[in-house]
Amino acid sequence: MKAIVHDTYGSLDVLGVRDIDKPVVKDNEVLVRVHAAGLHVGDCFGVRGAPFAMRMVTGLLKPKYGVPGFDMAGQVEAVGNNVTQFRPGHEVFGACNGACAEYASAAED
């Protein structure tokens, strides 16, 4: 799948489009085909790695995940074994890690 990624911290110039593996859905998660991703100042902090305290969450020396975006909307493609609220085909919106990709996994709640 295609995603916007960054392997290092820096300006927005470190972002690029690359093929990465599709997320594997866990028992309490849903896999969403992302139709729209929302970006805000927190995403800029995550890409820049600044303020430095932000790196305690995003990765000290390099980004842990490397795909920005926390807010997304899309359609459920697959559900984990313990998911009861959603089924494939449901339209959803919510928060996740790595919303700037074709697919993202998110907790059921």
PDB file of N, CA and C in Angstrom:
ATOM      1  N   MET A   1       0.853  -1.179   0.000  1.00  0.00           N
ATOM      2  CA  MET A   1       0.000   0.000   0.000  1.00  0.00           C
ATOM      3  C   MET A   1       0.885   1.222   0.000  1.00  0.00           C
ATOM      4  N   LYS A   2       0.371   2.319  -0.474  1.00  0.00           N
ATOM      5  CA  LYS A   2       1.114   3.579  -0.496  1.00  0.00           C
ATOM      6  C   LYS A   2       0.844   4.363   0.786  1.00  0.00           C
ATOM      7  N   ALA A   3       1.883   5.078   1.241  1.00  0.00           N
ATOM      8  CA  ALA A   3       1.753   5.891   2.447  1.00  0.00           C
ATOM      9  C   ALA A   3       2.736   7.045   2.370  1.00  0.00           C
ATOM     10  N   ILE A   4       2.429   8.104   3.085  1.00  0.00           N
ATOM     11  CA  ILE A   4       3.370   9.204   3.270  1.00  0.00           C
ATOM     12  C   ILE A   4       4.227   8.823   4.464  1.00  0.00           C
ATOM     13  N   VAL A   5       5.538   8.833   4.282  1.00  0.00           N
ATOM     14  CA  VAL A   5       6.434   8.364   5.334  1.00  0.00           C
ATOM     15  C   VAL A   5       7.588   9.331   5.554  1.00  0.00           C
ATOM     16  N   HIS A   6       8.200   9.199   6.737  1.00  0.00           N
ATOM     17  CA  HIS A   6       9.460   9.886   7.032  1.00  0.00           C
ATOM     18  C   HIS A   6      10.292   8.985   7.930  1.00  0.00           C
ATOM     19  N   ASP A   7      11.567   8.842   7.575  1.00  0.00           N
ATOM     20  CA  ASP A   7      12.477   7.977   8.320  1.00  0.00           C
ATOM     21  C   ASP A   7      13.322   8.758   9.315  1.00  0.00           C
ATOM     22  N   THR A   8      13.352  10.071   9.167  1.00  0.00           N
ATOM     23  CA  THR A   8      14.118  10.938  10.051  1.00  0.00           C
ATOM     24  C   THR A   8      13.242  12.111  10.454  1.00  0.00           C
ATOM     25  N   TYR A   9      13.660  12.800  11.483  1.00  0.00           N
ATOM     26  CA  TYR A   9      12.988  14.040  11.878  1.00  0.00           C
ATOM     27  C   TYR A   9      13.533  15.179  11.028  1.00  0.00           C
ATOM     28  N   GLY A  10      12.710  16.181  10.781  1.00  0.00           N
ATOM     29  CA  GLY A  10      13.152  17.347  10.025  1.00  0.00           C
ATOM     30  C   GLY A  10      11.983  18.164   9.544  1.00  0.00           C
ATOM     31  N   SER A  11      12.249  19.006   8.568  1.00  0.00           N
ATOM     32  CA  SER A  11      11.195  19.827   7.979  1.00  0.00           C
ATOM     33  C   SER A  11      10.254  18.933   7.189  1.00  0.00           C
ATOM     34  N   LEU A  12       9.216  19.504   6.644  1.00  0.00           N
ATOM     35  CA  LEU A  12       8.263  18.717   5.861  1.00  0.00           C
ATOM     36  C   LEU A  12       8.886  18.154   4.592  1.00  0.00           C
ATOM     37  N   ASP A  13      10.103  18.585   4.268  1.00  0.00           N
ATOM     38  CA  ASP A  13      10.812  18.046   3.103  1.00  0.00           C
ATOM     39  C   ASP A  13      11.235  16.592   3.303  1.00  0.00           C
ATOM     40  N   VAL A  14      11.239  16.082   4.538  1.00  0.00           N
ATOM     41  CA  VAL A  14      11.627  14.688   4.784  1.00  0.00           C
ATOM     42  C   VAL A  14      10.496  13.724   4.429  1.00  0.00           C
ATOM     43  N   LEU A  15       9.305  14.234   4.135  1.00  0.00           N
ATOM     44  CA  LEU A  15       8.168  13.386   3.787  1.00  0.00           C
ATOM     45  C   LEU A  15       8.254  12.906   2.346  1.00  0.00           C
ATOM     46  N   GLY A  16       7.846  11.685   2.113  1.00  0.00           N
ATOM     47  CA  GLY A  16       7.802  11.139   0.769  1.00  0.00           C
ATOM     48  C   GLY A  16       6.755  10.049   0.683  1.00  0.00           C
ATOM     49  N   VAL A  17       6.397   9.654  -0.526  1.00  0.00           N
ATOM     50  CA  VAL A  17       5.419   8.583  -0.740  1.00  0.00           C
ATOM     51  C   VAL A  17       6.183   7.299  -1.031  1.00  0.00           C
ATOM     52  N   ARG A  18       5.777   6.218  -0.351  1.00  0.00           N
ATOM     53  CA  ARG A  18       6.472   4.947  -0.509  1.00  0.00           C
ATOM     54  C   ARG A  18       5.490   3.801  -0.265  1.00  0.00           C
ATOM     55  N   ASP A  19       5.795   2.641  -0.813  1.00  0.00           N
ATOM     56  CA  ASP A  19       5.018   1.431  -0.538  1.00  0.00           C
ATOM     57  C   ASP A  19       5.478   0.841   0.789  1.00  0.00           C
ATOM     58  N   ILE A  20       4.511   0.526   1.659  1.00  0.00           N
ATOM     59  CA  ILE A  20       4.797  -0.135   2.929  1.00  0.00           C
ATOM     60  C   ILE A  20       3.800  -1.280   3.103  1.00  0.00           C
ATOM     61  N   ASP A  21       4.033  -2.116   4.105  1.00  0.00           N
ATOM     62  CA  ASP A  21       3.126  -3.225   4.374  1.00  0.00           C
ATOM     63  C   ASP A  21       1.792  -2.726   4.919  1.00  0.00           C
ATOM     64  N   LYS A  22       0.735  -3.408   4.545  1.00  0.00           N
ATOM     65  CA  LYS A  22      -0.592  -3.099   5.085  1.00  0.00           C
ATOM     66  C   LYS A  22      -0.610  -3.513   6.562  1.00  0.00           C
ATOM     67  N   PRO A  23      -1.228  -2.706   7.429  1.00  0.00           N
ATOM     68  CA  PRO A  23      -1.289  -3.078   8.847  1.00  0.00           C
ATOM     69  C   PRO A  23      -2.034  -4.397   9.047  1.00  0.00           C
ATOM     70  N   VAL A  24      -1.591  -5.145  10.031  1.00  0.00           N
ATOM     71  CA  VAL A  24      -2.263  -6.389  10.410  1.00  0.00           C
ATOM     72  C   VAL A  24      -3.207  -6.052  11.552  1.00  0.00           C
ATOM     73  N   VAL A  25      -4.464  -6.406  11.383  1.00  0.00           N
ATOM     74  CA  VAL A  25      -5.475  -6.080  12.382  1.00  0.00           C
ATOM     75  C   VAL A  25      -5.351  -7.031  13.570  1.00  0.00           C
ATOM     76  N   LYS A  26      -5.344  -6.456  14.783  1.00  0.00           N
ATOM     77  CA  LYS A  26      -5.300  -7.250  16.014  1.00  0.00           C
ATOM     78  C   LYS A  26      -6.730  -7.588  16.435  1.00  0.00           C
ATOM     79  N   ASP A  27      -6.861  -8.391  17.497  1.00  0.00           N
ATOM     80  CA  ASP A  27      -8.179  -8.878  17.920  1.00  0.00           C
ATOM     81  C   ASP A  27      -9.175  -7.769  18.251  1.00  0.00           C
ATOM     82  N   ASN A  28      -8.698  -6.650  18.789  1.00  0.00           N
ATOM     83  CA  ASN A  28      -9.605  -5.563  19.196  1.00  0.00           C
ATOM     84  C   ASN A  28      -9.515  -4.361  18.263  1.00  0.00           C
ATOM     85  N   GLU A  29      -9.115  -4.563  17.030  1.00  0.00           N
ATOM     86  CA  GLU A  29      -8.943  -3.457  16.085  1.00  0.00           C
ATOM     87  C   GLU A  29      -9.756  -3.674  14.815  1.00  0.00           C
ATOM     88  N   VAL A  30      -9.888  -2.581  14.071  1.00  0.00           N
ATOM     89  CA  VAL A  30     -10.485  -2.631  12.740  1.00  0.00           C
ATOM     90  C   VAL A  30      -9.464  -2.117  11.732  1.00  0.00           C
ATOM     91  N   LEU A  31      -9.500  -2.652  10.542  1.00  0.00           N
ATOM     92  CA  LEU A  31      -8.668  -2.173   9.443  1.00  0.00           C
ATOM     93  C   LEU A  31      -9.543  -1.279   8.588  1.00  0.00           C
ATOM     94  N   VAL A  32      -9.096  -0.042   8.391  1.00  0.00           N
ATOM     95  CA  VAL A  32      -9.891   0.946   7.669  1.00  0.00           C
ATOM     96  C   VAL A  32      -9.179   1.334   6.376  1.00  0.00           C
ATOM     97  N   ARG A  33      -9.916   1.304   5.264  1.00  0.00           N
ATOM     98  CA  ARG A  33      -9.415   1.890   4.017  1.00  0.00           C
ATOM     99  C   ARG A  33      -9.660   3.385   4.155  1.00  0.00           C
ATOM    100  N   VAL A  34      -8.595   4.148   4.234  1.00  0.00           N
ATOM    101  CA  VAL A  34      -8.684   5.570   4.533  1.00  0.00           C
ATOM    102  C   VAL A  34      -9.144   6.339   3.295  1.00  0.00           C
ATOM    103  N   HIS A  35     -10.219   7.098   3.464  1.00  0.00           N
ATOM    104  CA  HIS A  35     -10.718   7.970   2.401  1.00  0.00           C
ATOM    105  C   HIS A  35     -10.258   9.403   2.618  1.00  0.00           C
ATOM    106  N   ALA A  36     -10.072   9.799   3.898  1.00  0.00           N
ATOM    107  CA  ALA A  36      -9.635  11.161   4.225  1.00  0.00           C
ATOM    108  C   ALA A  36      -8.838  11.132   5.522  1.00  0.00           C
ATOM    109  N   ALA A  37      -7.774  11.927   5.551  1.00  0.00           N
ATOM    110  CA  ALA A  37      -6.953  12.051   6.763  1.00  0.00           C
ATOM    111  C   ALA A  37      -6.885  13.523   7.128  1.00  0.00           C
ATOM    112  N   GLY A  38      -7.051  13.797   8.416  1.00  0.00           N
ATOM    113  CA  GLY A  38      -6.945  15.173   8.896  1.00  0.00           C
ATOM    114  C   GLY A  38      -5.583  15.405   9.525  1.00  0.00           C
ATOM    115  N   LEU A  39      -4.990  16.532   9.229  1.00  0.00           N
ATOM    116  CA  LEU A  39      -3.690  16.887   9.794  1.00  0.00           C
ATOM    117  C   LEU A  39      -3.829  18.130  10.651  1.00  0.00           C
ATOM    118  N   HIS A  40      -3.033  18.203  11.701  1.00  0.00           N
ATOM    119  CA  HIS A  40      -3.042  19.374  12.580  1.00  0.00           C
ATOM    120  C   HIS A  40      -1.628  19.612  13.089  1.00  0.00           C
ATOM    121  N   VAL A  41      -1.451  20.576  13.959  1.00  0.00           N
ATOM    122  CA  VAL A  41      -0.121  20.973  14.414  1.00  0.00           C
ATOM    123  C   VAL A  41       0.622  19.819  15.088  1.00  0.00           C
ATOM    124  N   GLY A  42      -0.083  18.903  15.739  1.00  0.00           N
ATOM    125  CA  GLY A  42       0.570  17.755  16.360  1.00  0.00           C
ATOM    126  C   GLY A  42       1.309  16.890  15.351  1.00  0.00           C
ATOM    127  N   ASP A  43       0.782  16.796  14.139  1.00  0.00           N
ATOM    128  CA  ASP A  43       1.464  16.046  13.096  1.00  0.00           C
ATOM    129  C   ASP A  43       2.766  16.732  12.687  1.00  0.00           C
ATOM    130  N   CYS A  44       2.758  18.052  12.647  1.00  0.00           N
ATOM    131  CA  CYS A  44       3.984  18.799  12.338  1.00  0.00           C
ATOM    132  C   CYS A  44       5.030  18.576  13.426  1.00  0.00           C
ATOM    133  N   PHE A  45       4.594  18.589  14.697  1.00  0.00           N
ATOM    134  CA  PHE A  45       5.516  18.314  15.797  1.00  0.00           C
ATOM    135  C   PHE A  45       6.109  16.913  15.652  1.00  0.00           C
ATOM    136  N   GLY A  46       5.282  15.953  15.276  1.00  0.00           N
ATOM    137  CA  GLY A  46       5.753  14.582  15.117  1.00  0.00           C
ATOM    138  C   GLY A  46       6.764  14.431  13.997  1.00  0.00           C
ATOM    139  N   VAL A  47       6.568  15.121  12.886  1.00  0.00           N
ATOM    140  CA  VAL A  47       7.513  15.061  11.760  1.00  0.00           C
ATOM    141  C   VAL A  47       8.811  15.778  12.123  1.00  0.00           C
ATOM    142  N   ARG A  48       8.692  16.922  12.777  1.00  0.00           N
ATOM    143  CA  ARG A  48       9.890  17.691  13.159  1.00  0.00           C
ATOM    144  C   ARG A  48      10.626  17.076  14.342  1.00  0.00           C
ATOM    145  N   GLY A  49       9.907  16.346  15.206  1.00  0.00           N
ATOM    146  CA  GLY A  49      10.513  15.820  16.418  1.00  0.00           C
ATOM    147  C   GLY A  49      10.790  16.918  17.423  1.00  0.00           C
ATOM    148  N   ALA A  50      10.040  17.989  17.321  1.00  0.00           N
ATOM    149  CA  ALA A  50      10.233  19.146  18.205  1.00  0.00           C
ATOM    150  C   ALA A  50       8.870  19.657  18.626  1.00  0.00           C
ATOM    151  N   PRO A  51       8.705  20.071  19.850  1.00  0.00           N
ATOM    152  CA  PRO A  51       9.730  20.172  20.886  1.00  0.00           C
ATOM    153  C   PRO A  51      10.279  18.791  21.246  1.00  0.00           C
ATOM    154  N   PHE A  52      11.505  18.789  21.766  1.00  0.00           N
ATOM    155  CA  PHE A  52      12.229  17.541  22.007  1.00  0.00           C
ATOM    156  C   PHE A  52      11.442  16.571  22.889  1.00  0.00           C
ATOM    157  N   ALA A  53      10.682  17.079  23.838  1.00  0.00           N
ATOM    158  CA  ALA A  53       9.886  16.212  24.716  1.00  0.00           C
ATOM    159  C   ALA A  53       8.913  15.345  23.915  1.00  0.00           C
ATOM    160  N   MET A  54       8.516  15.791  22.751  1.00  0.00           N
ATOM    161  CA  MET A  54       7.615  15.030  21.876  1.00  0.00           C
ATOM    162  C   MET A  54       8.225  13.673  21.511  1.00  0.00           C
ATOM    163  N   ARG A  55       9.557  13.598  21.477  1.00  0.00           N
ATOM    164  CA  ARG A  55      10.234  12.366  21.092  1.00  0.00           C
ATOM    165  C   ARG A  55      10.068  11.247  22.116  1.00  0.00           C
ATOM    166  N   MET A  56       9.634  11.578  23.305  1.00  0.00           N
ATOM    167  CA  MET A  56       9.362  10.528  24.288  1.00  0.00           C
ATOM    168  C   MET A  56       8.179   9.671  23.835  1.00  0.00           C
ATOM    169  N   VAL A  57       7.328  10.252  23.007  1.00  0.00           N
ATOM    170  CA  VAL A  57       6.163   9.536  22.476  1.00  0.00           C
ATOM    171  C   VAL A  57       6.431   9.012  21.069  1.00  0.00           C
ATOM    172  N   THR A  58       7.082   9.815  20.229  1.00  0.00           N
ATOM    173  CA  THR A  58       7.235   9.478  18.809  1.00  0.00           C
ATOM    174  C   THR A  58       8.504   8.707  18.479  1.00  0.00           C
ATOM    175  N   GLY A  59       9.449   8.614  19.408  1.00  0.00           N
ATOM    176  CA  GLY A  59      10.715   7.930  19.164  1.00  0.00           C
ATOM    177  C   GLY A  59      11.874   8.872  19.425  1.00  0.00           C
ATOM    178  N   LEU A  60      12.834   8.454  20.215  1.00  0.00           N
ATOM    179  CA  LEU A  60      13.904   9.347  20.651  1.00  0.00           C
ATOM    180  C   LEU A  60      14.832   9.771  19.518  1.00  0.00           C
ATOM    181  N   LEU A  61      15.399   8.828  18.780  1.00  0.00           N
ATOM    182  CA  LEU A  61      16.370   9.160  17.733  1.00  0.00           C
ATOM    183  C   LEU A  61      15.767   9.185  16.333  1.00  0.00           C
ATOM    184  N   LYS A  62      14.736   8.384  16.114  1.00  0.00           N
ATOM    185  CA  LYS A  62      14.048   8.366  14.818  1.00  0.00           C
ATOM    186  C   LYS A  62      12.588   8.015  15.065  1.00  0.00           C
ATOM    187  N   PRO A  63      11.716   8.333  14.126  1.00  0.00           N
ATOM    188  CA  PRO A  63      10.280   8.058  14.316  1.00  0.00           C
ATOM    189  C   PRO A  63      10.016   6.561  14.496  1.00  0.00           C
ATOM    190  N   LYS A  64       9.145   6.224  15.462  1.00  0.00           N
ATOM    191  CA  LYS A  64       8.778   4.822  15.698  1.00  0.00           C
ATOM    192  C   LYS A  64       8.013   4.246  14.516  1.00  0.00           C
ATOM    193  N   TYR A  65       7.009   5.002  14.051  1.00  0.00           N
ATOM    194  CA  TYR A  65       6.145   4.482  12.991  1.00  0.00           C
ATOM    195  C   TYR A  65       6.436   5.153  11.655  1.00  0.00           C
ATOM    196  N   GLY A  66       6.626   6.432  11.642  1.00  0.00           N
ATOM    197  CA  GLY A  66       7.030   7.127  10.429  1.00  0.00           C
ATOM    198  C   GLY A  66       5.938   7.513   9.461  1.00  0.00           C
ATOM    199  N   VAL A  67       4.679   7.219   9.778  1.00  0.00           N
ATOM    200  CA  VAL A  67       3.561   7.643   8.938  1.00  0.00           C
ATOM    201  C   VAL A  67       2.756   8.649   9.742  1.00  0.00           C
ATOM    202  N   PRO A  68       2.694   9.911   9.318  1.00  0.00           N
ATOM    203  CA  PRO A  68       1.958  10.913  10.094  1.00  0.00           C
ATOM    204  C   PRO A  68       0.451  10.734   9.986  1.00  0.00           C
ATOM    205  N   GLY A  69      -0.242  11.459  10.829  1.00  0.00           N
ATOM    206  CA  GLY A  69      -1.700  11.479  10.790  1.00  0.00           C
ATOM    207  C   GLY A  69      -2.327  10.711  11.930  1.00  0.00           C
ATOM    208  N   PHE A  70      -3.282  11.361  12.594  1.00  0.00           N
ATOM    209  CA  PHE A  70      -3.999  10.742  13.703  1.00  0.00           C
ATOM    210  C   PHE A  70      -5.501  10.664  13.442  1.00  0.00           C
ATOM    211  N   ASP A  71      -6.029  11.526  12.605  1.00  0.00           N
ATOM    212  CA  ASP A  71      -7.470  11.592  12.358  1.00  0.00           C
ATOM    213  C   ASP A  71      -7.773  11.046  10.971  1.00  0.00           C
ATOM    214  N   MET A  72      -8.772  10.173  10.885  1.00  0.00           N
ATOM    215  CA  MET A  72      -9.102   9.592   9.581  1.00  0.00           C
ATOM    216  C   MET A  72     -10.579   9.274   9.479  1.00  0.00           C
ATOM    217  N   ALA A  73     -11.008   9.114   8.238  1.00  0.00           N
ATOM    218  CA  ALA A  73     -12.353   8.646   7.925  1.00  0.00           C
ATOM    219  C   ALA A  73     -12.220   7.661   6.774  1.00  0.00           C
ATOM    220  N   GLY A  74     -13.064   6.629   6.790  1.00  0.00           N
ATOM    221  CA  GLY A  74     -12.980   5.658   5.720  1.00  0.00           C
ATOM    222  C   GLY A  74     -13.980   4.537   5.900  1.00  0.00           C
ATOM    223  N   GLN A  75     -13.664   3.400   5.287  1.00  0.00           N
ATOM    224  CA  GLN A  75     -14.562   2.256   5.292  1.00  0.00           C
ATOM    225  C   GLN A  75     -13.842   1.047   5.904  1.00  0.00           C
ATOM    226  N   VAL A  76     -14.531   0.356   6.798  1.00  0.00           N
ATOM    227  CA  VAL A  76     -13.954  -0.822   7.449  1.00  0.00           C
ATOM    228  C   VAL A  76     -13.740  -1.916   6.405  1.00  0.00           C
ATOM    229  N   GLU A  77     -12.520  -2.437   6.353  1.00  0.00           N
ATOM    230  CA  GLU A  77     -12.177  -3.526   5.438  1.00  0.00           C
ATOM    231  C   GLU A  77     -12.159  -4.873   6.151  1.00  0.00           C
ATOM    232  N   ALA A  78     -11.689  -4.879   7.407  1.00  0.00           N
ATOM    233  CA  ALA A  78     -11.594  -6.127   8.178  1.00  0.00           C
ATOM    234  C   ALA A  78     -11.713  -5.793   9.656  1.00  0.00           C
ATOM    235  N   VAL A  79     -12.140  -6.771  10.437  1.00  0.00           N
ATOM    236  CA  VAL A  79     -12.275  -6.577  11.880  1.00  0.00           C
ATOM    237  C   VAL A  79     -11.552  -7.703  12.611  1.00  0.00           C
ATOM    238  N   GLY A  80     -11.067  -7.390  13.818  1.00  0.00           N
ATOM    239  CA  GLY A  80     -10.439  -8.398  14.660  1.00  0.00           C
ATOM    240  C   GLY A  80     -11.472  -9.324  15.270  1.00  0.00           C
ATOM    241  N   ASN A  81     -11.007 -10.406  15.856  1.00  0.00           N
ATOM    242  CA  ASN A  81     -11.892 -11.430  16.420  1.00  0.00           C
ATOM    243  C   ASN A  81     -12.791 -10.923  17.532  1.00  0.00           C
ATOM    244  N   ASN A  82     -12.343  -9.926  18.304  1.00  0.00           N
ATOM    245  CA  ASN A  82     -13.115  -9.440  19.451  1.00  0.00           C
ATOM    246  C   ASN A  82     -13.967  -8.208  19.138  1.00  0.00           C
ATOM    247  N   VAL A  83     -13.978  -7.754  17.913  1.00  0.00           N
ATOM    248  CA  VAL A  83     -14.725  -6.547  17.539  1.00  0.00           C
ATOM    249  C   VAL A  83     -16.202  -6.890  17.380  1.00  0.00           C
ATOM    250  N   THR A  84     -17.071  -6.099  18.049  1.00  0.00           N
ATOM    251  CA  THR A  84     -18.511  -6.346  17.989  1.00  0.00           C
ATOM    252  C   THR A  84     -19.299  -5.190  17.388  1.00  0.00           C
ATOM    253  N   GLN A  85     -18.731  -3.983  17.388  1.00  0.00           N
ATOM    254  CA  GLN A  85     -19.479  -2.795  16.945  1.00  0.00           C
ATOM    255  C   GLN A  85     -19.461  -2.586  15.436  1.00  0.00           C
ATOM    256  N   PHE A  86     -18.476  -3.111  14.733  1.00  0.00           N
ATOM    257  CA  PHE A  86     -18.293  -2.798  13.314  1.00  0.00           C
ATOM    258  C   PHE A  86     -18.168  -4.071  12.488  1.00  0.00           C
ATOM    259  N   ARG A  87     -18.526  -3.929  11.220  1.00  0.00           N
ATOM    260  CA  ARG A  87     -18.395  -4.993  10.233  1.00  0.00           C
ATOM    261  C   ARG A  87     -17.797  -4.394   8.960  1.00  0.00           C
ATOM    262  N   PRO A  88     -17.177  -5.233   8.122  1.00  0.00           N
ATOM    263  CA  PRO A  88     -16.671  -4.722   6.848  1.00  0.00           C
ATOM    264  C   PRO A  88     -17.773  -3.997   6.074  1.00  0.00           C
ATOM    265  N   GLY A  89     -17.417  -2.836   5.525  1.00  0.00           N
ATOM    266  CA  GLY A  89     -18.373  -2.014   4.787  1.00  0.00           C
ATOM    267  C   GLY A  89     -18.884  -0.828   5.569  1.00  0.00           C
ATOM    268  N   HIS A  90     -18.786  -0.855   6.894  1.00  0.00           N
ATOM    269  CA  HIS A  90     -19.229   0.289   7.705  1.00  0.00           C
ATOM    270  C   HIS A  90     -18.355   1.511   7.429  1.00  0.00           C
ATOM    271  N   GLU A  91     -18.997   2.662   7.319  1.00  0.00           N
ATOM    272  CA  GLU A  91     -18.280   3.937   7.185  1.00  0.00           C
ATOM    273  C   GLU A  91     -17.953   4.433   8.584  1.00  0.00           C
ATOM    274  N   VAL A  92     -16.694   4.806   8.833  1.00  0.00           N
ATOM    275  CA  VAL A  92     -16.260   5.195  10.173  1.00  0.00           C
ATOM    276  C   VAL A  92     -15.357   6.431  10.116  1.00  0.00           C
ATOM    277  N   PHE A  93     -15.200   7.066  11.272  1.00  0.00           N
ATOM    278  CA  PHE A  93     -14.181   8.096  11.447  1.00  0.00           C
ATOM    279  C   PHE A  93     -13.647   7.970  12.860  1.00  0.00           C
ATOM    280  N   GLY A  94     -12.422   8.428  13.071  1.00  0.00           N
ATOM    281  CA  GLY A  94     -11.840   8.313  14.397  1.00  0.00           C
ATOM    282  C   GLY A  94     -10.359   8.619  14.389  1.00  0.00           C
ATOM    283  N   ALA A  95      -9.680   8.125  15.413  1.00  0.00           N
ATOM    284  CA  ALA A  95      -8.253   8.384  15.590  1.00  0.00           C
ATOM    285  C   ALA A  95      -7.470   7.084  15.465  1.00  0.00           C
ATOM    286  N   CYS A  96      -6.270   7.212  14.937  1.00  0.00           N
ATOM    287  CA  CYS A  96      -5.380   6.071  14.779  1.00  0.00           C
ATOM    288  C   CYS A  96      -3.963   6.603  14.633  1.00  0.00           C
ATOM    289  N   ASN A  97      -3.007   5.712  14.535  1.00  0.00           N
ATOM    290  CA  ASN A  97      -1.645   6.109  14.165  1.00  0.00           C
ATOM    291  C   ASN A  97      -1.468   5.829  12.689  1.00  0.00           C
ATOM    292  N   GLY A  98      -0.874   6.774  11.969  1.00  0.00           N
ATOM    293  CA  GLY A  98      -0.580   6.550  10.561  1.00  0.00           C
ATOM    294  C   GLY A  98      -1.743   6.712   9.622  1.00  0.00           C
ATOM    295  N   ALA A  99      -2.509   7.772   9.777  1.00  0.00           N
ATOM    296  CA  ALA A  99      -3.684   7.994   8.928  1.00  0.00           C
ATOM    297  C   ALA A  99      -3.329   8.377   7.492  1.00  0.00           C
ATOM    298  N   CYS A 100      -2.113   8.820   7.249  1.00  0.00           N
ATOM    299  CA  CYS A 100      -1.718   9.253   5.903  1.00  0.00           C
ATOM    300  C   CYS A 100      -1.237   8.060   5.073  1.00  0.00           C
ATOM    301  N   ALA A 101      -2.092   7.059   4.985  1.00  0.00           N
ATOM    302  CA  ALA A 101      -1.814   5.854   4.222  1.00  0.00           C
ATOM    303  C   ALA A 101      -3.112   5.331   3.635  1.00  0.00           C
ATOM    304  N   GLU A 102      -3.012   4.389   2.732  1.00  0.00           N
ATOM    305  CA  GLU A 102      -4.214   3.815   2.134  1.00  0.00           C
ATOM    306  C   GLU A 102      -5.035   3.038   3.151  1.00  0.00           C
ATOM    307  N   TYR A 103      -4.354   2.387   4.108  1.00  0.00           N
ATOM    308  CA  TYR A 103      -5.031   1.616   5.156  1.00  0.00           C
ATOM    309  C   TYR A 103      -4.437   1.978   6.502  1.00  0.00           C
ATOM    310  N   ALA A 104      -5.277   1.944   7.528  1.00  0.00           N
ATOM    311  CA  ALA A 104      -4.824   2.180   8.894  1.00  0.00           C
ATOM    312  C   ALA A 104      -5.604   1.276   9.828  1.00  0.00           C
ATOM    313  N   SER A 105      -4.949   0.831  10.896  1.00  0.00           N
ATOM    314  CA  SER A 105      -5.667   0.055  11.910  1.00  0.00           C
ATOM    315  C   SER A 105      -5.980   0.953  13.073  1.00  0.00           C
ATOM    316  N   ALA A 106      -7.142   0.727  13.674  1.00  0.00           N
ATOM    317  CA  ALA A 106      -7.591   1.555  14.792  1.00  0.00           C
ATOM    318  C   ALA A 106      -8.297   0.678  15.810  1.00  0.00           C
ATOM    319  N   ALA A 107      -8.237   1.088  17.070  1.00  0.00           N
ATOM    320  CA  ALA A 107      -8.954   0.370  18.120  1.00  0.00           C
ATOM    321  C   ALA A 107     -10.454   0.493  17.878  1.00  0.00           C
ATOM    322  N   GLU A 108     -11.186  -0.524  18.257  1.00  0.00           N
ATOM    323  CA  GLU A 108     -12.641  -0.517  18.062  1.00  0.00           C
ATOM    324  C   GLU A 108     -13.303   0.680  18.725  1.00  0.00           C
ATOM    325  N   ASP A 109     -12.797   1.108  19.867  1.00  0.00           N
ATOM    326  CA  ASP A 109     -13.437   2.211  20.582  1.00  0.00           C
ATOM    327  C   ASP A 109     -12.916   3.555  20.124  1.00  0.00           C
TER     328      ASP A 109
END
